[in-house]
Protein backbone atom coordinates (compact mmCIF):
# COMPACT_ATOMS: atom_id res chain seq x y z
CA UNK A 1 11.11 -7.58 -20.55
CA UNK A 2 8.67 -9.17 -20.89
CA UNK A 3 4.85 -8.58 -18.59
CA UNK A 4 5.82 -11.73 -16.59
CA UNK A 5 9.49 -10.65 -15.59
CA UNK A 6 7.65 -6.77 -14.81
CA UNK A 7 5.80 -8.02 -12.15
CA UNK A 8 8.42 -10.19 -10.97
CA UNK A 9 10.72 -7.62 -10.99
CA UNK A 10 8.44 -5.33 -9.78
CA UNK A 11 7.80 -7.24 -6.41
CA UNK A 12 11.56 -7.44 -6.44
CA UNK A 13 12.28 -4.07 -6.11
CA UNK A 14 8.91 -3.09 -3.51
CA UNK A 15 10.05 -6.01 -1.18
CA UNK A 16 13.80 -4.53 -1.32
CA UNK A 17 12.32 -0.59 -0.11
CA UNK A 18 10.61 -2.36 2.61
CA UNK A 19 13.55 -4.15 3.51
CA UNK A 20 11.80 -7.61 3.31
CA UNK A 21 10.97 -10.71 0.18
CA UNK A 22 8.53 -11.45 -2.16
CA UNK A 23 6.24 -14.07 -0.32
CA UNK A 24 6.53 -16.91 -2.32
CA UNK A 25 4.02 -20.13 -2.45
CA UNK A 26 1.36 -17.99 -0.51
CA UNK A 27 -1.48 -20.00 -2.41
CA UNK A 28 -4.95 -18.49 -4.27
CA UNK A 29 -6.06 -17.11 -0.94
CA UNK A 30 -3.56 -14.37 -0.53
CA UNK A 31 -3.19 -10.91 -1.33
CA UNK A 32 0.12 -9.60 0.01
CA UNK A 33 3.52 -9.89 -2.35
CA UNK A 34 5.47 -9.07 0.52
CA UNK A 35 6.95 -10.92 3.79
CA UNK A 36 5.47 -8.55 6.26
CA UNK A 37 4.29 -9.09 10.34
CA UNK A 38 2.46 -4.76 9.74
CA UNK A 39 1.37 -4.67 6.54
CA UNK A 40 -0.38 -6.53 3.58
CA UNK A 41 1.65 -5.06 0.44
CA UNK A 42 -0.03 -5.94 -3.33
CA UNK A 43 1.90 -4.96 -5.91
CA UNK A 44 0.82 -4.14 -9.24
CA UNK A 45 2.79 -3.41 -12.76
CA UNK A 46 0.22 -2.86 -15.86
CA UNK A 47 -0.42 -0.54 -18.34
CA UNK A 48 -4.44 -0.33 -17.45
CA UNK A 49 -5.16 -0.25 -13.69
CA UNK A 50 -8.24 -0.78 -11.14
CA UNK A 51 -7.43 0.25 -8.09
CA UNK A 52 -10.62 0.03 -7.02
CA UNK A 53 -11.18 -3.31 -7.35
CA UNK A 54 -7.85 -3.68 -6.02
CA UNK A 55 -8.24 -2.19 -3.25
CA UNK A 56 -11.24 -3.70 -2.19
CA UNK A 57 -9.70 -7.45 -2.74
CA UNK A 58 -6.60 -6.90 -0.87
CA UNK A 59 -8.19 -4.81 2.04
CA UNK A 60 -10.88 -7.80 2.30
CA UNK A 61 -7.01 -9.19 2.66
CA UNK A 62 -5.90 -7.52 4.82
CA UNK A 63 -8.69 -6.56 7.16
CA UNK A 64 -8.52 -10.00 8.12
CA UNK A 65 -4.73 -10.59 8.38
CA UNK A 66 -4.78 -7.25 10.37
CA UNK A 67 -2.45 -5.29 8.94
CA UNK A 68 -2.30 -2.14 7.32
CA UNK A 69 -3.04 -2.60 3.69
CA UNK A 70 -0.01 -1.26 1.16
CA UNK A 71 -1.30 -1.52 -3.11
CA UNK A 72 2.13 -0.01 -4.86
CA UNK A 73 1.57 0.14 -8.40
CA UNK A 74 3.39 1.28 -11.52
CA UNK A 75 3.22 0.59 -14.99
CA UNK A 76 5.46 -0.53 -17.64
CA UNK A 77 9.00 0.76 -18.14
CA UNK A 78 8.20 3.84 -16.02
CA UNK A 79 10.33 3.85 -12.90
CA UNK A 80 8.52 5.92 -10.72
CA UNK A 81 6.39 3.52 -7.69
CA UNK A 82 2.93 4.77 -6.60
CA UNK A 83 1.74 3.36 -2.62
CA UNK A 84 -1.72 3.33 -2.37
CA UNK A 85 -3.26 2.97 0.77
CA UNK A 86 -5.39 4.77 3.44
CA UNK A 87 -5.06 8.33 4.67
CA UNK A 88 -5.29 7.60 7.76
CA UNK A 89 -3.62 3.98 8.21
CA UNK A 90 -1.02 7.65 6.67
CA UNK A 91 -1.27 9.47 9.47
CA UNK A 92 -1.59 6.44 12.49
CA UNK A 93 2.44 5.67 10.97
CA UNK A 94 3.28 9.46 10.77
CA UNK A 95 1.94 10.07 14.29
CA UNK A 96 4.09 6.59 15.53
CA UNK A 97 7.51 7.13 13.71
CA UNK A 98 7.17 11.10 15.53
CA UNK A 99 6.73 13.04 12.13
CA UNK A 100 3.69 15.16 13.17
CA UNK A 101 2.08 15.20 16.58
CA UNK A 102 -0.46 12.96 18.29
CA UNK A 103 -2.81 15.82 17.75
CA UNK A 104 -2.44 15.78 14.44
CA UNK A 105 -3.59 18.23 11.63
CA UNK A 106 -7.20 17.00 13.13
CA UNK A 107 -8.11 20.14 15.15
CA UNK A 108 -7.42 22.35 11.97
CA UNK A 109 -9.40 21.15 9.92
CA UNK A 110 -12.78 19.56 10.27
CA UNK A 111 -12.95 16.21 8.80
CA UNK A 112 -16.72 15.52 8.12
CA UNK A 113 -16.66 18.72 5.61
CA UNK A 114 -13.52 19.06 4.64
CA UNK A 115 -12.59 22.46 5.37
CA UNK A 116 -11.09 25.21 7.22
CA UNK A 117 -13.02 24.90 10.75
CA UNK A 118 -12.58 29.17 11.44
């Protein structure tokens, strides 16, 4: 698969997983590769990752659009996709889905120092 086809295929797979479709023809100021009202999803398929740079660009875009940023990444010829998102956003999503209690894990862990409270 050529480099062009690899990123295009990555976008198609991620869109299918989100039960959505690729966002085509959005223009140069758009960062989201997948159509979503809730998420700004940027897809990357390459051997060398620049996650801090990609995350910074996606987060700035998501903040402007008031969406939750998700960076979907994979390496060429590998099947595993990784989703990178802010931990607080993940916790909010899990609470909203009823997967964790409304209090969350905050009651057992000191957030400021990342140590368990006594």
